[in-house]
Amino acid sequence: MTEEKTTPEEKNAQVSQERPQASVDELMTQLSKKNDDYVFKLRRGLEEHKVPEAKQEAVLAELLPEIITAQKQGKPANQLYGPVTEKVNAIVFAPKPVKVQPLWLTMLDMGLFFLSLFALVYGVGAYINPKNQPQGGLLPMLIMAVVAAVIFGYYNNWTKQKKGERRSGWIIGLSAFLLITLASFGSSALAQLKSPITNPMPWYGYAVVAVIAYGAHWLMKRQYNLKSVFTV
């Protein structure tokens, strides 16, 4: 029979399976001289980085059971975690968990951004050439902003998925093309209707929409710490 090989991650997982229920002080008395020296240097490194005492205790409460279990298997802490300096840096500079933002929130944020962008473009056009205003009032402009937000929001979410879980790229591209085409026809049809929300606005009307939409976009960015394909 051949001996099955285990990876370092599997070994560490086996080490962390058994965790004695004891306080940090009680666990410290169970350490070998070599491991006690490792923990001493670890604490000193954390203190040099001004890690709060409470966090140090929490770290030791997590690490000591693993160290003791490995110690019983003849595996010292420096083999379990590597050099003290590397472990200290891994603790101090550990990346913060990335909070996954809801897709609808991303789309709403992008919708506001696109609405402000379209309003700005239309407003500049109306200001430069008042007699030949863009064919599109608030509602057609809003529809295009929603469609753009859905497409870019979904694409942004799609790029963060694992390759094996993603839908085919050509399906995404074709769906986006069809959605844009339908929205364009719909916006053009609405622009032909005569109503306050479909008629072209004066340049200052577009300016008001742009300021309000971008202001809401700016506030959402800061309120929810939103990260998207845009950095504005």
Protein backbone atom coordinates (compact mmCIF):
# COMPACT_ATOMS: atom_id res chain seq x y z
CA MET A 1 0.00 0.00 0.00
CA THR A 2 1.21 3.50 -0.78
CA GLU A 3 1.27 6.15 1.90
CA GLU A 4 -1.09 9.04 1.16
CA LYS A 5 0.60 12.42 1.03
CA THR A 6 -0.97 15.36 2.79
CA THR A 7 -0.45 19.00 1.97
CA PRO A 8 0.77 21.55 4.58
CA GLU A 9 -2.75 23.03 4.66
CA GLU A 10 -4.23 19.62 5.48
CA LYS A 11 -1.64 19.07 8.21
CA ASN A 12 -2.45 22.44 9.77
CA ALA A 13 -6.15 21.63 9.54
CA GLN A 14 -5.52 18.37 11.41
CA VAL A 15 -3.49 20.24 14.00
CA SER A 16 -6.31 22.72 14.63
CA GLN A 17 -9.00 20.07 15.03
CA GLU A 18 -8.28 19.42 18.72
CA ARG A 19 -8.44 22.56 20.86
CA PRO A 20 -8.12 22.22 24.62
CA GLN A 21 -10.61 24.30 26.53
CA ALA A 22 -8.34 26.34 28.78
CA SER A 23 -7.31 29.92 29.43
CA VAL A 24 -4.28 31.53 27.82
CA ASP A 25 -2.30 31.36 31.09
CA GLU A 26 -3.09 27.67 31.52
CA LEU A 27 -2.11 26.91 27.95
CA MET A 28 1.18 28.78 28.35
CA THR A 29 2.25 26.31 31.07
CA GLN A 30 1.90 23.44 28.60
CA LEU A 31 4.39 24.86 26.11
CA SER A 32 7.81 23.39 25.55
CA LYS A 33 10.82 25.64 26.06
CA LYS A 34 11.20 26.15 22.31
CA ASN A 35 7.54 26.99 21.81
CA ASP A 36 7.47 29.21 24.90
CA ASP A 37 10.34 31.22 23.41
CA TYR A 38 8.43 31.45 20.11
CA VAL A 39 5.32 32.79 21.85
CA PHE A 40 7.42 35.21 23.91
CA LYS A 41 8.97 36.67 20.75
CA LEU A 42 5.54 36.71 19.10
CA ARG A 43 4.07 38.79 21.92
CA ARG A 44 7.05 41.12 21.89
CA GLY A 45 6.60 41.64 18.15
CA LEU A 46 2.92 42.40 18.60
CA GLU A 47 3.73 44.88 21.36
CA GLU A 48 6.28 46.62 19.11
CA HIS A 49 3.50 47.11 16.57
CA LYS A 50 1.30 48.50 19.35
CA VAL A 51 -1.29 45.74 19.06
CA PRO A 52 -3.85 46.18 21.88
CA GLU A 53 -3.63 43.75 24.79
CA ALA A 54 -7.13 42.47 24.15
CA LYS A 55 -6.26 41.56 20.56
CA GLN A 56 -3.05 39.88 21.71
CA GLU A 57 -5.06 37.70 24.09
CA ALA A 58 -7.50 36.84 21.32
CA VAL A 59 -4.63 35.88 18.99
CA LEU A 60 -3.01 33.68 21.63
CA ALA A 61 -6.33 32.07 22.50
CA GLU A 62 -6.55 31.02 18.85
CA LEU A 63 -2.92 30.02 18.31
CA LEU A 64 -1.98 28.27 21.55
CA PRO A 65 -4.33 25.27 21.13
CA GLU A 66 -2.90 24.73 17.65
CA ILE A 67 0.67 25.05 18.94
CA ILE A 68 0.06 22.57 21.76
CA THR A 69 -1.61 20.04 19.49
CA ALA A 70 1.29 20.31 17.03
CA GLN A 71 3.75 20.09 19.92
CA LYS A 72 2.32 16.70 20.86
CA GLN A 73 2.98 15.59 17.29
CA GLY A 74 6.59 16.75 17.46
CA LYS A 75 6.01 19.84 15.34
CA PRO A 76 7.34 23.10 16.83
CA ALA A 77 5.67 26.46 16.28
CA ASN A 78 8.28 27.70 13.84
CA GLN A 79 7.42 24.79 11.54
CA LEU A 80 3.70 25.37 12.03
CA TYR A 81 3.71 29.12 11.35
CA GLY A 82 7.18 29.91 10.02
CA PRO A 83 9.57 32.51 11.51
CA VAL A 84 8.24 34.76 14.26
CA THR A 85 8.64 37.92 12.20
CA GLU A 86 6.56 36.46 9.37
CA LYS A 87 3.80 35.41 11.75
CA VAL A 88 3.78 38.83 13.42
CA ASN A 89 3.49 40.54 10.05
CA ALA A 90 0.74 38.14 9.00
CA ILE A 91 -1.24 39.09 12.12
CA VAL A 92 -0.56 42.83 12.09
CA PHE A 93 -0.98 43.34 8.36
CA ALA A 94 -3.69 40.78 7.77
CA PRO A 95 -5.99 41.99 4.97
CA LYS A 96 -9.40 43.08 6.14
CA PRO A 97 -12.24 40.91 4.88
CA VAL A 98 -13.86 42.43 1.82
CA LYS A 99 -17.53 43.13 2.37
CA VAL A 100 -19.56 41.97 -0.58
CA GLN A 101 -22.02 44.71 -1.49
CA PRO A 102 -25.49 43.77 -2.74
CA LEU A 103 -25.91 43.82 -6.50
CA TRP A 104 -28.96 46.07 -6.29
CA LEU A 105 -26.96 48.63 -4.33
CA THR A 106 -24.21 48.62 -6.94
CA MET A 107 -26.76 49.07 -9.71
CA LEU A 108 -28.49 51.91 -7.89
CA ASP A 109 -25.19 53.70 -7.39
CA MET A 110 -24.23 53.25 -11.03
CA GLY A 111 -27.69 54.34 -12.17
CA LEU A 112 -27.28 57.63 -10.35
CA PHE A 113 -23.83 58.09 -11.86
CA PHE A 114 -25.04 57.42 -15.41
CA LEU A 115 -28.07 59.66 -14.92
CA SER A 116 -25.78 62.51 -13.86
CA LEU A 117 -23.50 61.79 -16.83
CA PHE A 118 -26.32 61.77 -19.39
CA ALA A 119 -27.86 64.90 -17.87
CA LEU A 120 -24.50 66.65 -18.09
CA VAL A 121 -24.03 65.72 -21.75
CA TYR A 122 -27.59 66.74 -22.65
CA GLY A 123 -27.27 69.95 -20.65
CA VAL A 124 -24.05 70.96 -22.40
CA GLY A 125 -25.66 70.24 -25.76
CA ALA A 126 -28.73 72.31 -24.89
CA TYR A 127 -26.58 75.19 -23.66
CA ILE A 128 -24.35 75.25 -26.75
CA ASN A 129 -27.19 74.90 -29.24
CA PRO A 130 -30.54 75.80 -27.65
CA LYS A 131 -32.40 75.57 -30.97
CA ASN A 132 -31.32 71.96 -31.56
CA GLN A 133 -31.79 70.34 -28.17
CA PRO A 134 -31.22 66.62 -27.59
CA GLN A 135 -34.31 64.51 -28.17
CA GLY A 136 -34.83 63.18 -24.70
CA GLY A 137 -36.43 64.34 -21.51
CA LEU A 138 -36.19 62.98 -18.01
CA LEU A 139 -37.93 59.61 -18.57
CA PRO A 140 -35.95 58.51 -21.69
CA MET A 141 -32.75 59.59 -19.99
CA LEU A 142 -33.71 57.66 -16.85
CA ILE A 143 -34.38 54.49 -18.86
CA MET A 144 -30.95 54.62 -20.48
CA ALA A 145 -29.33 55.20 -17.08
CA VAL A 146 -31.11 52.17 -15.62
CA VAL A 147 -30.08 49.96 -18.53
CA ALA A 148 -26.46 51.11 -18.30
CA ALA A 149 -26.49 50.48 -14.54
CA VAL A 150 -27.88 46.96 -14.96
CA ILE A 151 -25.31 46.07 -17.62
CA PHE A 152 -22.26 47.49 -15.85
CA GLY A 153 -23.44 46.34 -12.42
CA TYR A 154 -23.97 42.78 -13.60
CA TYR A 155 -20.67 42.81 -15.47
CA ASN A 156 -18.85 44.07 -12.39
CA ASN A 157 -20.38 41.24 -10.37
CA TRP A 158 -19.63 38.73 -13.15
CA THR A 159 -15.91 39.55 -13.18
CA LYS A 160 -15.67 38.74 -9.45
CA GLN A 161 -17.16 35.27 -9.82
CA LYS A 162 -15.02 32.16 -10.16
CA LYS A 163 -14.41 31.21 -13.77
CA GLY A 164 -16.17 27.89 -13.35
CA GLU A 165 -19.29 29.60 -12.01
CA ARG A 166 -19.52 32.38 -14.60
CA ARG A 167 -22.00 32.43 -17.44
CA SER A 168 -20.52 32.43 -20.92
CA GLY A 169 -19.04 35.77 -21.94
CA TRP A 170 -20.74 35.79 -25.34
CA ILE A 171 -24.13 35.32 -23.67
CA ILE A 172 -23.43 38.32 -21.44
CA GLY A 173 -22.32 40.40 -24.43
CA LEU A 174 -25.30 39.42 -26.56
CA SER A 175 -27.75 40.09 -23.72
CA ALA A 176 -26.22 43.53 -23.16
CA PHE A 177 -26.48 44.35 -26.87
CA LEU A 178 -30.14 43.34 -27.01
CA LEU A 179 -30.93 45.27 -23.84
CA ILE A 180 -29.25 48.41 -25.15
CA THR A 181 -31.08 48.08 -28.49
CA LEU A 182 -34.48 47.71 -26.82
CA ALA A 183 -33.79 50.59 -24.46
CA SER A 184 -32.72 52.82 -27.37
CA PHE A 185 -35.91 52.09 -29.29
CA GLY A 186 -38.00 52.59 -26.16
CA SER A 187 -36.32 55.89 -25.32
CA SER A 188 -36.73 57.14 -28.88
CA ALA A 189 -40.43 56.23 -28.84
CA LEU A 190 -40.97 57.97 -25.51
CA ALA A 191 -39.19 61.06 -26.78
CA GLN A 192 -41.93 61.47 -29.37
CA LEU A 193 -44.57 61.79 -26.66
CA LYS A 194 -45.44 65.24 -25.43
CA SER A 195 -45.37 65.37 -21.65
CA PRO A 196 -43.35 67.11 -18.92
CA ILE A 197 -41.24 63.99 -18.30
CA THR A 198 -40.54 63.18 -21.97
CA ASN A 199 -40.07 66.64 -23.48
CA PRO A 200 -36.55 68.06 -23.79
CA MET A 201 -35.59 70.36 -20.92
CA PRO A 202 -33.68 73.65 -20.93
CA TRP A 203 -30.00 73.38 -20.10
CA TYR A 204 -30.51 74.41 -16.48
CA GLY A 205 -33.09 71.62 -16.06
CA TYR A 206 -30.48 69.06 -17.10
CA ALA A 207 -27.98 70.79 -14.80
CA VAL A 208 -30.30 70.37 -11.82
CA VAL A 209 -30.79 66.67 -12.60
CA ALA A 210 -27.03 66.18 -12.99
CA VAL A 211 -26.25 67.86 -9.66
CA ILE A 212 -28.93 65.95 -7.74
CA ALA A 213 -28.04 62.57 -9.28
CA TYR A 214 -24.30 62.99 -8.78
CA GLY A 215 -24.83 64.29 -5.26
CA ALA A 216 -26.84 61.17 -4.39
CA HIS A 217 -24.12 59.03 -6.03
CA TRP A 218 -21.43 60.79 -3.98
CA LEU A 219 -23.34 60.34 -0.72
CA MET A 220 -23.95 56.64 -1.39
CA LYS A 221 -20.26 56.09 -2.07
CA ARG A 222 -19.32 57.53 1.31
CA GLN A 223 -22.25 56.12 3.27
CA TYR A 224 -21.86 52.50 2.12
CA ASN A 225 -18.17 52.58 1.12
CA LEU A 226 -19.15 51.29 -2.30
CA LYS A 227 -16.52 49.87 -4.63
CA SER A 228 -17.35 49.49 -8.28
CA VAL A 229 -15.84 49.78 -11.72
CA PHE A 230 -15.85 53.54 -11.22
CA THR A 231 -13.53 55.40 -8.88
CA VAL A 232 -15.52 58.64 -8.83
